[in-house]
Amino acid sequence: MKHPRSLQYIASAFALSMSLASFNIQAADTPATPAAAHDKVVIQVSDADPKKWNLALNNAKNVQDGLGADNVDVEIVVYGPGIGMLKFDSEVGNRVDQAEKSGVKLVACKVTMKAQNLTETDMLSSIGYVPGGVIELMKKQKEGYAYIRP
């Protein structure tokens, strides 16, 4: 008569495991309430082409317009041949200043500036600086920034 009691234990254990499995499935299917997400995007500009610059600035504006400027961090990282567009006499200088005023952060690569014998006095007053443009892009991607290269 030991067997009926064993069957009771097995049946109880089975019923318990099924209810726990059901609970886990329900918990997994229940979406977690997401925290208010703050989007982040980094845009690379390494071309001297004014059309590419205007495209990058349009991308930044469209992201801000679409998500709300307070809901997104936008940074444009500039290096290589694109650095000339951040010079004080740049043909897109007015747009760069407008982007900065709207909350877009524009940064110039100091490695590129050194290679091109540029100083901060050669550049637009509204921009920032980073030690290396590629390193800044890597850093931002590690921080969860979406990466765009127009």
C-alpha atoms as a PDB file:
ATOM      1  CA  MET A   1       0.000   0.000   0.000  1.00  0.00           C
ATOM      2  CA  LYS A   2       2.999   2.256  -0.161  1.00  0.00           C
ATOM      3  CA  HIS A   3       2.394   2.912  -3.844  1.00  0.00           C
ATOM      4  CA  PRO A   4      -0.840   4.927  -3.552  1.00  0.00           C
ATOM      5  CA  ARG A   5       0.866   7.426  -1.225  1.00  0.00           C
ATOM      6  CA  SER A   6       3.795   7.713  -3.682  1.00  0.00           C
ATOM      7  CA  LEU A   7       1.333   8.403  -6.463  1.00  0.00           C
ATOM      8  CA  GLN A   8      -0.243  11.139  -4.339  1.00  0.00           C
ATOM      9  CA  TYR A   9       3.165  12.785  -3.859  1.00  0.00           C
ATOM     10  CA  ILE A  10       3.943  12.548  -7.544  1.00  0.00           C
ATOM     11  CA  ALA A  11       0.528  13.959  -8.489  1.00  0.00           C
ATOM     12  CA  SER A  12       0.936  16.822  -5.999  1.00  0.00           C
ATOM     13  CA  ALA A  13       4.426  17.625  -7.260  1.00  0.00           C
ATOM     14  CA  PHE A  14       3.180  17.566 -10.847  1.00  0.00           C
ATOM     15  CA  ALA A  15       0.256  19.892 -10.039  1.00  0.00           C
ATOM     16  CA  LEU A  16       2.586  22.303  -8.215  1.00  0.00           C
ATOM     17  CA  SER A  17       5.094  22.369 -11.070  1.00  0.00           C
ATOM     18  CA  MET A  18       2.302  23.005 -13.595  1.00  0.00           C
ATOM     19  CA  SER A  19       0.939  25.950 -11.604  1.00  0.00           C
ATOM     20  CA  LEU A  20       4.455  27.415 -11.238  1.00  0.00           C
ATOM     21  CA  ALA A  21       5.052  26.985 -14.966  1.00  0.00           C
ATOM     22  CA  SER A  22       1.741  28.703 -15.678  1.00  0.00           C
ATOM     23  CA  PHE A  23       2.722  31.584 -13.377  1.00  0.00           C
ATOM     24  CA  ASN A  24       6.095  31.994 -15.126  1.00  0.00           C
ATOM     25  CA  ILE A  25       4.470  32.031 -18.547  1.00  0.00           C
ATOM     26  CA  GLN A  26       1.985  34.678 -17.448  1.00  0.00           C
ATOM     27  CA  ALA A  27       4.773  36.781 -15.908  1.00  0.00           C
ATOM     28  CA  ALA A  28       6.839  36.545 -19.087  1.00  0.00           C
ATOM     29  CA  ASP A  29       3.856  37.518 -21.250  1.00  0.00           C
ATOM     30  CA  THR A  30       3.021  40.541 -19.109  1.00  0.00           C
ATOM     31  CA  PRO A  31       4.870  43.527 -20.556  1.00  0.00           C
ATOM     32  CA  ALA A  32       6.916  45.497 -18.088  1.00  0.00           C
ATOM     33  CA  THR A  33       5.959  49.122 -17.777  1.00  0.00           C
ATOM     34  CA  PRO A  34       8.725  50.901 -19.691  1.00  0.00           C
ATOM     35  CA  ALA A  35      10.415  53.852 -18.072  1.00  0.00           C
ATOM     36  CA  ALA A  36      10.178  57.073 -20.023  1.00  0.00           C
ATOM     37  CA  ALA A  37      12.801  56.490 -22.680  1.00  0.00           C
ATOM     38  CA  HIS A  38      15.193  59.249 -23.612  1.00  0.00           C
ATOM     39  CA  ASP A  39      16.505  58.710 -27.122  1.00  0.00           C
ATOM     40  CA  LYS A  40      20.090  59.423 -28.116  1.00  0.00           C
ATOM     41  CA  VAL A  41      21.615  59.716 -31.575  1.00  0.00           C
ATOM     42  CA  VAL A  42      25.124  60.489 -32.776  1.00  0.00           C
ATOM     43  CA  ILE A  43      25.663  61.626 -36.356  1.00  0.00           C
ATOM     44  CA  GLN A  44      29.019  61.319 -38.100  1.00  0.00           C
ATOM     45  CA  VAL A  45      30.145  63.949 -40.610  1.00  0.00           C
ATOM     46  CA  SER A  46      33.528  63.338 -42.173  1.00  0.00           C
ATOM     47  CA  ASP A  47      32.819  64.698 -45.664  1.00  0.00           C
ATOM     48  CA  ALA A  48      33.457  68.243 -46.861  1.00  0.00           C
ATOM     49  CA  ASP A  49      30.418  68.141 -49.152  1.00  0.00           C
ATOM     50  CA  PRO A  50      27.914  70.880 -48.158  1.00  0.00           C
ATOM     51  CA  LYS A  51      25.068  68.618 -49.340  1.00  0.00           C
ATOM     52  CA  LYS A  52      26.109  65.968 -46.789  1.00  0.00           C
ATOM     53  CA  TRP A  53      26.340  68.656 -44.128  1.00  0.00           C
ATOM     54  CA  ASN A  54      22.871  69.931 -44.903  1.00  0.00           C
ATOM     55  CA  LEU A  55      21.589  66.349 -44.844  1.00  0.00           C
ATOM     56  CA  ALA A  56      23.163  65.767 -41.416  1.00  0.00           C
ATOM     57  CA  LEU A  57      21.688  69.015 -40.080  1.00  0.00           C
ATOM     58  CA  ASN A  58      18.287  68.093 -41.565  1.00  0.00           C
ATOM     59  CA  ASN A  59      18.509  64.651 -39.920  1.00  0.00           C
ATOM     60  CA  ALA A  60      19.211  66.265 -36.552  1.00  0.00           C
ATOM     61  CA  LYS A  61      16.290  68.691 -36.937  1.00  0.00           C
ATOM     62  CA  ASN A  62      13.921  65.946 -38.085  1.00  0.00           C
ATOM     63  CA  VAL A  63      14.823  63.771 -35.103  1.00  0.00           C
ATOM     64  CA  GLN A  64      14.159  66.674 -32.736  1.00  0.00           C
ATOM     65  CA  ASP A  65      10.899  67.536 -34.492  1.00  0.00           C
ATOM     66  CA  GLY A  66       9.738  63.917 -34.528  1.00  0.00           C
ATOM     67  CA  LEU A  67      10.615  63.005 -30.938  1.00  0.00           C
ATOM     68  CA  GLY A  68      10.602  66.423 -29.303  1.00  0.00           C
ATOM     69  CA  ALA A  69      13.866  68.236 -28.641  1.00  0.00           C
ATOM     70  CA  ASP A  70      13.572  67.582 -24.893  1.00  0.00           C
ATOM     71  CA  ASN A  71      13.211  63.824 -25.489  1.00  0.00           C
ATOM     72  CA  VAL A  72      16.370  63.243 -27.499  1.00  0.00           C
ATOM     73  CA  ASP A  73      20.089  63.972 -27.248  1.00  0.00           C
ATOM     74  CA  VAL A  74      21.607  64.722 -30.650  1.00  0.00           C
ATOM     75  CA  GLU A  75      25.344  65.010 -31.199  1.00  0.00           C
ATOM     76  CA  ILE A  76      27.127  65.573 -34.501  1.00  0.00           C
ATOM     77  CA  VAL A  77      30.748  64.428 -34.478  1.00  0.00           C
ATOM     78  CA  VAL A  78      32.952  66.030 -37.110  1.00  0.00           C
ATOM     79  CA  TYR A  79      36.379  64.922 -38.281  1.00  0.00           C
ATOM     80  CA  GLY A  80      38.487  64.483 -41.381  1.00  0.00           C
ATOM     81  CA  PRO A  81      37.588  66.595 -44.426  1.00  0.00           C
ATOM     82  CA  GLY A  82      34.264  67.560 -42.799  1.00  0.00           C
ATOM     83  CA  ILE A  83      36.042  69.740 -40.212  1.00  0.00           C
ATOM     84  CA  GLY A  84      36.101  72.694 -42.606  1.00  0.00           C
ATOM     85  CA  MET A  85      32.353  73.032 -42.239  1.00  0.00           C
ATOM     86  CA  LEU A  86      32.885  74.029 -38.592  1.00  0.00           C
ATOM     87  CA  LYS A  87      35.260  76.858 -39.452  1.00  0.00           C
ATOM     88  CA  PHE A  88      34.028  80.391 -38.727  1.00  0.00           C
ATOM     89  CA  ASP A  89      33.768  81.154 -42.469  1.00  0.00           C
ATOM     90  CA  SER A  90      31.839  77.968 -43.321  1.00  0.00           C
ATOM     91  CA  GLU A  91      29.007  78.145 -45.824  1.00  0.00           C
ATOM     92  CA  VAL A  92      26.796  76.184 -43.405  1.00  0.00           C
ATOM     93  CA  GLY A  93      27.882  78.178 -40.348  1.00  0.00           C
ATOM     94  CA  ASN A  94      24.461  79.777 -39.863  1.00  0.00           C
ATOM     95  CA  ARG A  95      22.770  76.367 -39.881  1.00  0.00           C
ATOM     96  CA  VAL A  96      25.342  75.013 -37.433  1.00  0.00           C
ATOM     97  CA  ASP A  97      24.614  77.897 -35.060  1.00  0.00           C
ATOM     98  CA  GLN A  98      20.854  77.298 -35.419  1.00  0.00           C
ATOM     99  CA  ALA A  99      21.321  73.599 -34.664  1.00  0.00           C
ATOM    100  CA  GLU A 100      23.342  74.436 -31.542  1.00  0.00           C
ATOM    101  CA  LYS A 101      20.631  76.823 -30.365  1.00  0.00           C
ATOM    102  CA  SER A 102      18.028  74.065 -30.767  1.00  0.00           C
ATOM    103  CA  GLY A 103      20.032  71.743 -28.530  1.00  0.00           C
ATOM    104  CA  VAL A 104      22.140  69.813 -31.036  1.00  0.00           C
ATOM    105  CA  LYS A 105      25.690  69.328 -29.789  1.00  0.00           C
ATOM    106  CA  LEU A 106      28.352  69.702 -32.488  1.00  0.00           C
ATOM    107  CA  VAL A 107      31.891  68.623 -31.697  1.00  0.00           C
ATOM    108  CA  ALA A 108      35.127  68.884 -33.649  1.00  0.00           C
ATOM    109  CA  CYS A 109      37.937  66.334 -33.535  1.00  0.00           C
ATOM    110  CA  LYS A 110      41.124  67.820 -32.099  1.00  0.00           C
ATOM    111  CA  VAL A 111      43.268  65.237 -33.915  1.00  0.00           C
ATOM    112  CA  THR A 112      41.923  66.493 -37.249  1.00  0.00           C
ATOM    113  CA  MET A 113      42.307  70.108 -36.190  1.00  0.00           C
ATOM    114  CA  LYS A 114      45.948  69.521 -35.272  1.00  0.00           C
ATOM    115  CA  ALA A 115      46.604  67.737 -38.583  1.00  0.00           C
ATOM    116  CA  GLN A 116      45.099  70.685 -40.469  1.00  0.00           C
ATOM    117  CA  ASN A 117      46.813  73.337 -38.311  1.00  0.00           C
ATOM    118  CA  LEU A 118      43.481  74.652 -37.047  1.00  0.00           C
ATOM    119  CA  THR A 119      42.935  76.259 -33.661  1.00  0.00           C
ATOM    120  CA  GLU A 120      39.763  77.070 -31.754  1.00  0.00           C
ATOM    121  CA  THR A 121      40.008  80.662 -33.024  1.00  0.00           C
ATOM    122  CA  ASP A 122      39.537  79.295 -36.575  1.00  0.00           C
ATOM    123  CA  MET A 123      36.290  77.592 -35.601  1.00  0.00           C
ATOM    124  CA  LEU A 124      32.677  78.609 -34.984  1.00  0.00           C
ATOM    125  CA  SER A 125      32.269  79.812 -31.428  1.00  0.00           C
ATOM    126  CA  SER A 126      29.235  77.609 -30.712  1.00  0.00           C
ATOM    127  CA  ILE A 127      30.906  74.205 -31.172  1.00  0.00           C
ATOM    128  CA  GLY A 128      32.579  71.872 -28.706  1.00  0.00           C
ATOM    129  CA  TYR A 129      35.689  69.719 -28.988  1.00  0.00           C
ATOM    130  CA  VAL A 130      36.614  66.091 -28.429  1.00  0.00           C
ATOM    131  CA  PRO A 131      40.091  64.544 -28.337  1.00  0.00           C
ATOM    132  CA  GLY A 132      39.256  62.162 -31.212  1.00  0.00           C
ATOM    133  CA  GLY A 133      36.209  61.931 -33.463  1.00  0.00           C
ATOM    134  CA  VAL A 134      36.268  58.165 -33.984  1.00  0.00           C
ATOM    135  CA  ILE A 135      36.814  57.601 -30.265  1.00  0.00           C
ATOM    136  CA  GLU A 136      33.829  59.858 -29.527  1.00  0.00           C
ATOM    137  CA  LEU A 137      31.669  57.791 -31.891  1.00  0.00           C
ATOM    138  CA  MET A 138      32.790  54.585 -30.172  1.00  0.00           C
ATOM    139  CA  LYS A 139      32.082  56.061 -26.746  1.00  0.00           C
ATOM    140  CA  LYS A 140      28.614  57.263 -27.728  1.00  0.00           C
ATOM    141  CA  GLN A 141      27.688  53.888 -29.199  1.00  0.00           C
ATOM    142  CA  LYS A 142      28.742  52.187 -25.949  1.00  0.00           C
ATOM    143  CA  GLU A 143      26.456  54.653 -24.131  1.00  0.00           C
ATOM    144  CA  GLY A 144      23.510  53.495 -26.232  1.00  0.00           C
ATOM    145  CA  TYR A 145      23.434  56.198 -28.886  1.00  0.00           C
ATOM    146  CA  ALA A 146      21.998  55.248 -32.263  1.00  0.00           C
ATOM    147  CA  TYR A 147      24.608  55.858 -34.989  1.00  0.00           C
ATOM    148  CA  ILE A 148      23.779  57.705 -38.227  1.00  0.00           C
ATOM    149  CA  ARG A 149      26.049  58.571 -41.116  1.00  0.00           C
ATOM    150  CA  PRO A 150      24.259  60.484 -43.850  1.00  0.00           C
END
